[in-house]
Structures are given as C-alpha cells and as structure tokens.
C-alpha cells in the first residue's frame, strides 16, 4: 500500500477491486466468527483484530502500547495474507487448523502464523471461520500468557547455562 490508512474502510477502499472483494469476504468470515470481546481496527498498517487494553491492560509484550494482536488481514505486494496470531500461540490449534485445511484438498501456503493466498478461491472460508470461532478471548489470553511464560523461563535457563 502506498499510503497509510487509519480506518478499515479506507484500507479496503485503497485496494484494487479483485483484492477488495477477497479481503471483504475474508473479513466477513472473521467478523461472523469473532468473539465480540475482540476489536477490529488498523494495526501494523493492516486490518487487525485484537484484545483491547480495556480487557488486557498489559498489551502486546513486544510493544505494550499496542493492544494484544489476535489476527489480521493484509494485501501484500505478491499475495494477500491472513495473520493468525491465535494459532501461533497454540500448537494444538495450529495443528488442527492445518489438518482441517488439508482435508479440503486446497494447497496451504503457511508460515508459522501467516496464511498466504492469491485469490479467494484458495481459502476454505469454513476452516478459517472455525479456527477463529474456537479461540475465545479468555482462551487466547491464557494461551498467549503461557507462551510468554515458556519463552521467558527458557531464556532464563539459557542465560544460566552460559554462566
């Protein structure tokens, strides 16, 4: 995207028609399945879904000024992406998502939490919706905090071993 947008409507309006249609469809699936305690807005230059500070005051550990990210969608130069931080924090949910996607017969182009796609037909929307719906806000926060605890205790152990 050439210029920064500050609202979801501006972000969508700035996209070419084919990308806008795909992003709107993915967005609708997310909104239809999202726990109402999450909020939608622009986060990191894309459409984001996050835990507001009113629900989780510490915010995101990497930048506490930011609300805790849950998911996001973005139009990148060579693809569109669905960013599922909710899967990044739960290996069990990530594995379940991958298996459900595999069962659709569609090719999954996924990193640790980013699902990349070129056109809407590449995305089994029901699988995406089910993954979003399963992760209620309290479950997500607990999973996130457990992951942070593991990371912090792991780094302490590594530091202790170096001494």
N, C-alpha and C. Protein backbone atom coordinates (compact mmCIF):
# COMPACT_ATOMS: atom_id res chain seq x y z
N UNK A 1 0.84 -1.17 0.00
CA UNK A 1 0.00 0.00 0.00
C UNK A 1 0.88 1.24 0.00
N UNK A 2 0.52 2.20 -0.79
CA UNK A 2 1.36 3.37 -0.95
C UNK A 2 1.20 4.39 0.17
N UNK A 3 0.04 4.50 0.77
CA UNK A 3 -0.14 5.46 1.85
C UNK A 3 -0.77 4.79 3.05
N UNK A 4 -0.51 5.36 4.21
CA UNK A 4 -1.04 4.81 5.45
C UNK A 4 -2.52 5.12 5.57
N UNK A 5 -3.29 4.12 5.95
CA UNK A 5 -4.71 4.34 6.18
C UNK A 5 -4.96 4.26 7.68
N UNK A 6 -6.01 4.90 8.11
CA UNK A 6 -6.30 4.92 9.55
C UNK A 6 -7.61 4.21 9.90
N UNK A 7 -8.39 3.83 8.89
CA UNK A 7 -9.63 3.11 9.16
C UNK A 7 -9.73 1.88 8.25
N UNK A 8 -10.54 0.94 8.68
CA UNK A 8 -10.76 -0.27 7.88
C UNK A 8 -11.38 0.11 6.53
N UNK A 9 -12.33 1.02 6.55
CA UNK A 9 -12.98 1.46 5.30
C UNK A 9 -11.97 2.06 4.34
N UNK A 10 -11.06 2.90 4.84
CA UNK A 10 -10.02 3.48 3.98
C UNK A 10 -9.11 2.40 3.42
N UNK A 11 -8.75 1.46 4.27
CA UNK A 11 -7.86 0.37 3.83
C UNK A 11 -8.50 -0.39 2.67
N UNK A 12 -9.75 -0.80 2.86
CA UNK A 12 -10.44 -1.56 1.82
C UNK A 12 -10.63 -0.74 0.55
N UNK A 13 -10.96 0.53 0.69
CA UNK A 13 -11.18 1.40 -0.47
C UNK A 13 -9.90 1.60 -1.27
N UNK A 14 -8.75 1.46 -0.62
CA UNK A 14 -7.47 1.68 -1.31
C UNK A 14 -7.03 0.48 -2.16
N UNK A 15 -7.76 -0.62 -2.07
CA UNK A 15 -7.37 -1.84 -2.77
C UNK A 15 -7.99 -1.91 -4.17
N UNK A 16 -7.31 -2.61 -5.10
CA UNK A 16 -7.93 -2.85 -6.40
C UNK A 16 -9.17 -3.74 -6.21
N UNK A 17 -10.15 -3.66 -7.11
CA UNK A 17 -11.42 -4.37 -6.92
C UNK A 17 -11.30 -5.87 -6.62
N UNK A 18 -10.41 -6.59 -7.30
CA UNK A 18 -10.31 -8.03 -7.05
C UNK A 18 -9.79 -8.32 -5.64
N UNK A 19 -8.84 -7.54 -5.20
CA UNK A 19 -8.30 -7.72 -3.85
C UNK A 19 -9.32 -7.28 -2.80
N UNK A 20 -10.00 -6.18 -3.07
CA UNK A 20 -11.02 -5.69 -2.13
C UNK A 20 -12.09 -6.75 -1.91
N UNK A 21 -12.54 -7.37 -2.99
CA UNK A 21 -13.58 -8.41 -2.88
C UNK A 21 -13.10 -9.58 -2.01
N UNK A 22 -11.87 -10.02 -2.24
CA UNK A 22 -11.33 -11.13 -1.47
C UNK A 22 -11.15 -10.74 0.00
N UNK A 23 -10.61 -9.57 0.24
CA UNK A 23 -10.38 -9.12 1.61
C UNK A 23 -11.71 -8.91 2.36
N UNK A 24 -12.70 -8.39 1.66
CA UNK A 24 -14.00 -8.20 2.30
C UNK A 24 -14.63 -9.54 2.67
N UNK A 25 -14.47 -10.54 1.83
CA UNK A 25 -15.03 -11.87 2.12
C UNK A 25 -14.33 -12.50 3.32
N UNK A 26 -13.01 -12.42 3.35
CA UNK A 26 -12.26 -12.97 4.49
C UNK A 26 -12.61 -12.20 5.76
N UNK A 27 -12.68 -10.89 5.65
CA UNK A 27 -13.06 -10.06 6.80
C UNK A 27 -14.42 -10.46 7.35
N UNK A 28 -15.37 -10.68 6.46
CA UNK A 28 -16.72 -11.03 6.92
C UNK A 28 -16.73 -12.36 7.66
N UNK A 29 -15.96 -13.33 7.18
CA UNK A 29 -15.86 -14.63 7.87
C UNK A 29 -15.27 -14.42 9.26
N UNK A 30 -14.25 -13.59 9.36
CA UNK A 30 -13.66 -13.33 10.67
C UNK A 30 -14.68 -12.67 11.57
N UNK A 31 -15.32 -11.62 11.10
CA UNK A 31 -16.31 -10.90 11.92
C UNK A 31 -17.47 -11.80 12.34
N UNK A 32 -17.91 -12.68 11.45
CA UNK A 32 -19.03 -13.58 11.76
C UNK A 32 -18.68 -14.59 12.86
N UNK A 33 -17.40 -14.86 13.05
CA UNK A 33 -16.97 -15.90 13.99
C UNK A 33 -16.17 -15.38 15.17
N UNK A 34 -15.91 -14.10 15.21
CA UNK A 34 -15.06 -13.49 16.22
C UNK A 34 -15.79 -13.29 17.54
N UNK A 35 -15.15 -13.69 18.63
CA UNK A 35 -15.66 -13.40 19.97
C UNK A 35 -15.87 -11.88 20.05
N UNK A 36 -17.05 -11.42 20.51
CA UNK A 36 -17.33 -9.98 20.50
C UNK A 36 -16.44 -9.14 21.42
N UNK A 37 -15.66 -9.78 22.27
CA UNK A 37 -14.74 -9.02 23.13
C UNK A 37 -13.52 -8.50 22.38
N UNK A 38 -13.22 -9.09 21.22
CA UNK A 38 -12.13 -8.59 20.39
C UNK A 38 -12.60 -7.33 19.67
N UNK A 39 -11.65 -6.52 19.22
CA UNK A 39 -11.98 -5.34 18.43
C UNK A 39 -11.28 -5.40 17.08
N UNK A 40 -11.84 -4.67 16.13
CA UNK A 40 -11.26 -4.56 14.80
C UNK A 40 -10.75 -3.13 14.61
N UNK A 41 -9.64 -3.00 13.92
CA UNK A 41 -9.10 -1.68 13.61
C UNK A 41 -7.86 -1.84 12.75
N UNK A 42 -7.16 -0.75 12.56
CA UNK A 42 -5.90 -0.80 11.81
C UNK A 42 -4.79 -1.03 12.83
N UNK A 43 -4.01 -2.07 12.56
CA UNK A 43 -2.90 -2.41 13.44
C UNK A 43 -1.73 -2.84 12.55
N UNK A 44 -0.59 -2.26 12.76
CA UNK A 44 0.60 -2.55 11.95
C UNK A 44 0.33 -2.34 10.47
N UNK A 45 -0.46 -1.33 10.12
CA UNK A 45 -0.70 -0.98 8.73
C UNK A 45 -1.67 -1.88 8.00
N UNK A 46 -2.36 -2.76 8.72
CA UNK A 46 -3.31 -3.69 8.10
C UNK A 46 -4.57 -3.75 8.96
N UNK A 47 -5.55 -4.52 8.49
CA UNK A 47 -6.75 -4.71 9.29
C UNK A 47 -6.42 -5.72 10.38
N UNK A 48 -6.62 -5.31 11.61
CA UNK A 48 -6.26 -6.16 12.73
C UNK A 48 -7.44 -6.45 13.64
N UNK A 49 -7.34 -7.56 14.32
CA UNK A 49 -8.31 -7.98 15.33
C UNK A 49 -7.49 -8.21 16.58
N UNK A 50 -7.90 -7.59 17.69
CA UNK A 50 -7.03 -7.56 18.85
C UNK A 50 -7.82 -7.50 20.15
N UNK A 51 -7.10 -7.78 21.23
CA UNK A 51 -7.65 -7.69 22.58
C UNK A 51 -7.42 -6.24 23.02
N UNK A 52 -8.48 -5.48 23.25
CA UNK A 52 -8.28 -4.08 23.63
C UNK A 52 -7.63 -3.95 25.02
N UNK A 53 -6.97 -2.84 25.24
CA UNK A 53 -6.34 -2.59 26.54
C UNK A 53 -7.35 -2.62 27.68
N UNK A 54 -8.60 -2.30 27.41
CA UNK A 54 -9.62 -2.33 28.46
C UNK A 54 -9.85 -3.76 28.97
N UNK A 55 -9.56 -4.75 28.14
CA UNK A 55 -9.70 -6.16 28.52
C UNK A 55 -8.37 -6.72 28.99
N UNK A 56 -7.29 -6.32 28.33
CA UNK A 56 -5.95 -6.84 28.66
C UNK A 56 -4.98 -5.65 28.74
N UNK A 57 -4.94 -4.97 29.89
CA UNK A 57 -4.14 -3.75 30.03
C UNK A 57 -2.65 -3.87 29.69
N UNK A 58 -1.99 -5.03 29.92
CA UNK A 58 -0.56 -5.08 29.58
C UNK A 58 -0.25 -4.90 28.10
N UNK A 59 -1.22 -5.19 27.23
CA UNK A 59 -0.98 -5.07 25.79
C UNK A 59 -0.02 -6.13 25.29
N UNK A 60 0.52 -5.89 24.13
CA UNK A 60 1.42 -6.83 23.46
C UNK A 60 2.82 -6.69 24.05
N UNK A 61 3.42 -7.78 24.47
CA UNK A 61 4.71 -7.71 25.17
C UNK A 61 5.81 -7.08 24.32
N UNK A 62 5.73 -7.21 23.00
CA UNK A 62 6.74 -6.61 22.11
C UNK A 62 6.60 -5.09 22.03
N UNK A 63 5.40 -4.59 22.25
CA UNK A 63 5.11 -3.15 22.24
C UNK A 63 3.85 -2.95 23.08
N UNK A 64 4.01 -2.76 24.39
CA UNK A 64 2.84 -2.65 25.28
C UNK A 64 1.87 -1.52 24.93
N UNK A 65 2.27 -0.56 24.11
CA UNK A 65 1.35 0.48 23.68
C UNK A 65 0.31 -0.10 22.72
N UNK A 66 0.66 -1.21 22.06
CA UNK A 66 -0.25 -1.88 21.13
C UNK A 66 -1.15 -2.86 21.88
N UNK A 67 -2.43 -2.94 21.48
CA UNK A 67 -3.26 -3.99 22.06
C UNK A 67 -2.75 -5.35 21.58
N UNK A 68 -3.08 -6.38 22.32
CA UNK A 68 -2.62 -7.73 22.01
C UNK A 68 -3.22 -8.22 20.69
N UNK A 69 -2.38 -8.47 19.66
CA UNK A 69 -2.90 -8.92 18.37
C UNK A 69 -3.48 -10.33 18.45
N UNK A 70 -4.54 -10.56 17.72
CA UNK A 70 -5.20 -11.86 17.64
C UNK A 70 -5.13 -12.40 16.21
N UNK A 71 -5.49 -11.56 15.26
CA UNK A 71 -5.48 -11.94 13.85
C UNK A 71 -5.39 -10.67 13.01
N UNK A 72 -5.13 -10.84 11.73
CA UNK A 72 -5.08 -9.69 10.85
C UNK A 72 -5.20 -10.14 9.40
N UNK A 73 -5.55 -9.20 8.54
CA UNK A 73 -5.58 -9.48 7.11
C UNK A 73 -4.91 -8.32 6.40
N UNK A 74 -4.16 -8.65 5.37
CA UNK A 74 -3.42 -7.60 4.66
C UNK A 74 -3.26 -7.96 3.19
N UNK A 75 -3.20 -6.93 2.38
CA UNK A 75 -2.88 -7.07 0.97
C UNK A 75 -1.41 -6.71 0.82
N UNK A 76 -0.61 -7.70 0.49
CA UNK A 76 0.82 -7.51 0.31
C UNK A 76 1.13 -7.37 -1.18
N UNK A 77 2.37 -7.13 -1.50
CA UNK A 77 2.75 -6.92 -2.89
C UNK A 77 2.42 -8.13 -3.77
N UNK A 78 2.78 -9.34 -3.32
CA UNK A 78 2.64 -10.54 -4.15
C UNK A 78 1.53 -11.50 -3.69
N UNK A 79 0.86 -11.16 -2.60
CA UNK A 79 -0.18 -12.04 -2.09
C UNK A 79 -1.06 -11.27 -1.10
N UNK A 80 -2.11 -11.92 -0.68
CA UNK A 80 -2.90 -11.45 0.45
C UNK A 80 -2.58 -12.39 1.60
N UNK A 81 -2.71 -11.90 2.82
CA UNK A 81 -2.37 -12.73 3.95
C UNK A 81 -3.38 -12.64 5.07
N UNK A 82 -3.56 -13.77 5.72
CA UNK A 82 -4.34 -13.83 6.95
C UNK A 82 -3.32 -14.18 8.03
N UNK A 83 -3.19 -13.31 9.01
CA UNK A 83 -2.21 -13.48 10.07
C UNK A 83 -2.94 -14.00 11.30
N UNK A 84 -2.64 -15.21 11.68
CA UNK A 84 -3.38 -15.88 12.75
C UNK A 84 -2.50 -16.05 13.98
N UNK A 85 -2.30 -14.95 14.68
CA UNK A 85 -1.52 -15.00 15.91
C UNK A 85 -2.17 -15.96 16.90
N UNK A 86 -3.48 -16.11 16.76
CA UNK A 86 -4.21 -17.04 17.63
C UNK A 86 -3.73 -18.48 17.43
N UNK A 87 -3.19 -18.81 16.26
CA UNK A 87 -2.63 -20.14 16.04
C UNK A 87 -1.17 -20.20 16.48
N UNK A 88 -0.48 -19.09 16.37
CA UNK A 88 0.92 -19.02 16.77
C UNK A 88 1.08 -19.33 18.26
N UNK A 89 0.08 -18.95 19.05
CA UNK A 89 0.17 -19.15 20.50
C UNK A 89 -0.29 -20.54 20.94
N UNK A 90 -0.81 -21.34 20.01
CA UNK A 90 -1.33 -22.66 20.38
C UNK A 90 -0.96 -23.70 19.32
N UNK A 91 0.02 -24.52 19.66
CA UNK A 91 0.44 -25.58 18.72
C UNK A 91 -0.71 -26.53 18.41
N UNK A 92 -1.54 -26.79 19.40
CA UNK A 92 -2.68 -27.69 19.21
C UNK A 92 -3.66 -27.10 18.18
N UNK A 93 -3.97 -25.83 18.32
CA UNK A 93 -4.89 -25.18 17.38
C UNK A 93 -4.27 -25.06 16.00
N UNK A 94 -2.96 -24.80 15.95
CA UNK A 94 -2.29 -24.72 14.65
C UNK A 94 -2.37 -26.05 13.92
N UNK A 95 -2.10 -27.14 14.63
CA UNK A 95 -2.15 -28.47 14.02
C UNK A 95 -3.56 -28.80 13.55
N UNK A 96 -4.53 -28.47 14.36
CA UNK A 96 -5.94 -28.71 14.00
C UNK A 96 -6.31 -27.94 12.74
N UNK A 97 -5.89 -26.67 12.67
CA UNK A 97 -6.15 -25.83 11.50
C UNK A 97 -5.52 -26.43 10.26
N UNK A 98 -4.26 -26.84 10.35
CA UNK A 98 -3.56 -27.43 9.21
C UNK A 98 -4.26 -28.70 8.73
N UNK A 99 -4.71 -29.52 9.66
CA UNK A 99 -5.38 -30.78 9.29
C UNK A 99 -6.73 -30.49 8.62
N UNK A 100 -7.50 -29.57 9.18
CA UNK A 100 -8.79 -29.22 8.58
C UNK A 100 -8.60 -28.64 7.18
N UNK A 101 -7.59 -27.83 7.00
CA UNK A 101 -7.30 -27.25 5.68
C UNK A 101 -6.92 -28.36 4.71
N UNK A 102 -6.04 -29.27 5.15
CA UNK A 102 -5.59 -30.38 4.30
C UNK A 102 -6.78 -31.19 3.81
N UNK A 103 -7.76 -31.40 4.66
CA UNK A 103 -8.92 -32.20 4.31
C UNK A 103 -9.77 -31.55 3.21
N UNK A 104 -9.60 -30.26 2.97
CA UNK A 104 -10.35 -29.60 1.90
C UNK A 104 -9.73 -29.87 0.53
N UNK A 105 -8.49 -30.33 0.52
CA UNK A 105 -7.79 -30.56 -0.74
C UNK A 105 -7.13 -29.31 -1.31
N UNK A 106 -7.29 -28.19 -0.64
CA UNK A 106 -6.68 -26.95 -1.11
C UNK A 106 -5.24 -26.85 -0.60
N UNK A 107 -4.39 -26.24 -1.40
CA UNK A 107 -2.98 -26.06 -1.04
C UNK A 107 -2.87 -25.01 0.06
N UNK A 108 -2.14 -25.31 1.13
CA UNK A 108 -1.92 -24.37 2.22
C UNK A 108 -0.52 -23.78 2.09
N UNK A 109 -0.44 -22.47 1.96
CA UNK A 109 0.83 -21.75 1.95
C UNK A 109 0.88 -20.97 3.26
N UNK A 110 1.53 -21.58 4.25
CA UNK A 110 1.50 -21.01 5.60
C UNK A 110 2.87 -21.05 6.24
N UNK A 111 3.24 -19.94 6.86
CA UNK A 111 4.42 -19.89 7.71
C UNK A 111 3.98 -20.30 9.11
N UNK A 112 4.58 -19.71 10.11
CA UNK A 112 4.19 -20.04 11.49
C UNK A 112 2.77 -19.58 11.79
N UNK A 113 2.40 -18.41 11.27
CA UNK A 113 1.05 -17.94 11.53
C UNK A 113 0.42 -17.20 10.35
N UNK A 114 1.13 -17.01 9.28
CA UNK A 114 0.62 -16.27 8.12
C UNK A 114 0.20 -17.23 7.02
N UNK A 115 -1.07 -17.14 6.65
CA UNK A 115 -1.59 -17.91 5.53
C UNK A 115 -1.60 -16.97 4.32
N UNK A 116 -0.84 -17.34 3.29
CA UNK A 116 -0.75 -16.52 2.09
C UNK A 116 -1.66 -17.10 1.00
N UNK A 117 -2.32 -16.19 0.26
CA UNK A 117 -3.17 -16.65 -0.84
C UNK A 117 -3.21 -15.59 -1.93
N UNK A 118 -3.47 -16.03 -3.15
CA UNK A 118 -3.51 -15.12 -4.30
C UNK A 118 -4.94 -14.75 -4.69
N UNK A 119 -5.88 -15.69 -4.45
CA UNK A 119 -7.28 -15.42 -4.78
C UNK A 119 -8.18 -16.07 -3.74
N UNK A 120 -9.38 -15.56 -3.64
CA UNK A 120 -10.31 -16.01 -2.62
C UNK A 120 -10.60 -17.51 -2.70
N UNK A 121 -10.64 -18.06 -3.91
CA UNK A 121 -10.91 -19.49 -4.07
C UNK A 121 -9.86 -20.37 -3.41
N UNK A 122 -8.69 -19.81 -3.10
CA UNK A 122 -7.62 -20.56 -2.45
C UNK A 122 -7.90 -20.81 -0.97
N UNK A 123 -8.87 -20.10 -0.41
CA UNK A 123 -9.12 -20.14 1.04
C UNK A 123 -10.41 -20.88 1.37
N UNK A 124 -10.31 -21.98 2.13
CA UNK A 124 -11.54 -22.62 2.61
C UNK A 124 -12.09 -21.79 3.78
N UNK A 125 -13.04 -20.95 3.47
CA UNK A 125 -13.53 -19.98 4.45
C UNK A 125 -14.12 -20.64 5.70
N UNK A 126 -14.73 -21.82 5.54
CA UNK A 126 -15.29 -22.51 6.71
C UNK A 126 -14.20 -22.90 7.70
N UNK A 127 -13.06 -23.33 7.17
CA UNK A 127 -11.93 -23.71 8.03
C UNK A 127 -11.42 -22.49 8.79
N UNK A 128 -11.29 -21.38 8.09
CA UNK A 128 -10.85 -20.14 8.73
C UNK A 128 -11.85 -19.72 9.80
N UNK A 129 -13.12 -19.75 9.48
CA UNK A 129 -14.15 -19.36 10.43
C UNK A 129 -14.15 -20.23 11.68
N UNK A 130 -13.99 -21.53 11.50
CA UNK A 130 -13.96 -22.44 12.65
C UNK A 130 -12.76 -22.16 13.56
N UNK A 131 -11.61 -21.86 12.97
CA UNK A 131 -10.42 -21.56 13.78
C UNK A 131 -10.62 -20.29 14.60
N UNK A 132 -11.22 -19.28 13.99
CA UNK A 132 -11.49 -18.02 14.69
C UNK A 132 -12.52 -18.25 15.80
N UNK A 133 -13.56 -18.99 15.49
CA UNK A 133 -14.65 -19.22 16.45
C UNK A 133 -14.18 -20.01 17.69
N UNK A 134 -13.28 -20.96 17.48
CA UNK A 134 -12.79 -21.79 18.61
C UNK A 134 -12.00 -20.99 19.63
N UNK A 135 -11.38 -19.91 19.21
CA UNK A 135 -10.48 -19.18 20.10
C UNK A 135 -11.20 -18.00 20.75
N UNK A 136 -11.84 -18.28 21.87
CA UNK A 136 -12.50 -17.23 22.65
C UNK A 136 -11.43 -16.38 23.32
N UNK A 137 -11.79 -15.19 23.71
CA UNK A 137 -10.80 -14.23 24.21
C UNK A 137 -10.06 -14.74 25.45
N UNK A 138 -10.77 -15.35 26.40
CA UNK A 138 -10.10 -15.84 27.62
C UNK A 138 -9.13 -16.97 27.29
N UNK A 139 -9.53 -17.85 26.39
CA UNK A 139 -8.66 -18.95 25.97
C UNK A 139 -7.42 -18.40 25.26
N UNK A 140 -7.61 -17.39 24.42
CA UNK A 140 -6.49 -16.79 23.71
C UNK A 140 -5.51 -16.13 24.67
N UNK A 141 -6.01 -15.36 25.60
CA UNK A 141 -5.14 -14.68 26.57
C UNK A 141 -4.36 -15.71 27.38
N UNK A 142 -5.02 -16.76 27.82
CA UNK A 142 -4.34 -17.81 28.59
C UNK A 142 -3.25 -18.48 27.75
N UNK A 143 -3.54 -18.76 26.50
CA UNK A 143 -2.56 -19.38 25.60
C UNK A 143 -1.38 -18.44 25.36
N UNK A 144 -1.67 -17.17 25.16
CA UNK A 144 -0.62 -16.17 24.96
C UNK A 144 0.27 -16.07 26.19
N UNK A 145 -0.35 -15.96 27.37
CA UNK A 145 0.43 -15.82 28.60
C UNK A 145 1.27 -17.06 28.88
N UNK A 146 0.74 -18.24 28.58
CA UNK A 146 1.51 -19.48 28.77
C UNK A 146 2.72 -19.47 27.85
N UNK A 147 2.54 -19.02 26.63
CA UNK A 147 3.65 -18.95 25.67
C UNK A 147 4.71 -17.96 26.12
N UNK A 148 4.29 -16.82 26.64
CA UNK A 148 5.24 -15.81 27.13
C UNK A 148 6.01 -16.37 28.32
N UNK A 149 5.32 -17.07 29.20
CA UNK A 149 5.98 -17.67 30.37
C UNK A 149 7.03 -18.69 29.94
N UNK A 150 6.67 -19.53 28.95
CA UNK A 150 7.63 -20.53 28.45
C UNK A 150 8.85 -19.85 27.84
N UNK A 151 8.60 -18.80 27.07
CA UNK A 151 9.69 -18.08 26.42
C UNK A 151 10.61 -17.44 27.45
N UNK A 152 10.02 -16.80 28.44
CA UNK A 152 10.82 -16.13 29.47
C UNK A 152 11.59 -17.12 30.32
N UNK A 153 10.96 -18.23 30.71
CA UNK A 153 11.67 -19.22 31.52
C UNK A 153 12.74 -19.92 30.70
N UNK A 154 12.51 -20.11 29.41
CA UNK A 154 13.51 -20.71 28.53
C UNK A 154 14.72 -19.82 28.37
N UNK A 155 14.49 -18.50 28.27
CA UNK A 155 15.63 -17.59 28.11
C UNK A 155 16.42 -17.48 29.40
N UNK A 156 15.76 -17.61 30.56
CA UNK A 156 16.47 -17.60 31.84
C UNK A 156 17.36 -18.82 31.96
N UNK A 157 16.85 -19.98 31.51
CA UNK A 157 17.63 -21.21 31.57
C UNK A 157 18.86 -21.10 30.67
N UNK A 158 18.69 -20.55 29.50
CA UNK A 158 19.80 -20.39 28.56
C UNK A 158 20.85 -19.45 29.15
N UNK A 159 20.39 -18.35 29.78
CA UNK A 159 21.31 -17.40 30.38
C UNK A 159 22.07 -18.05 31.52
N UNK A 160 21.36 -18.85 32.34
CA UNK A 160 22.01 -19.53 33.47
C UNK A 160 23.05 -20.53 32.97
N UNK A 161 22.80 -21.21 31.87
CA UNK A 161 23.75 -22.18 31.33
C UNK A 161 25.01 -21.51 30.81
N UNK A 162 24.89 -20.27 30.33
CA UNK A 162 26.05 -19.56 29.78
C UNK A 162 27.04 -19.17 30.86
N UNK A 163 26.57 -18.98 32.09
CA UNK A 163 27.43 -18.51 33.19
C UNK A 163 28.45 -19.53 33.60
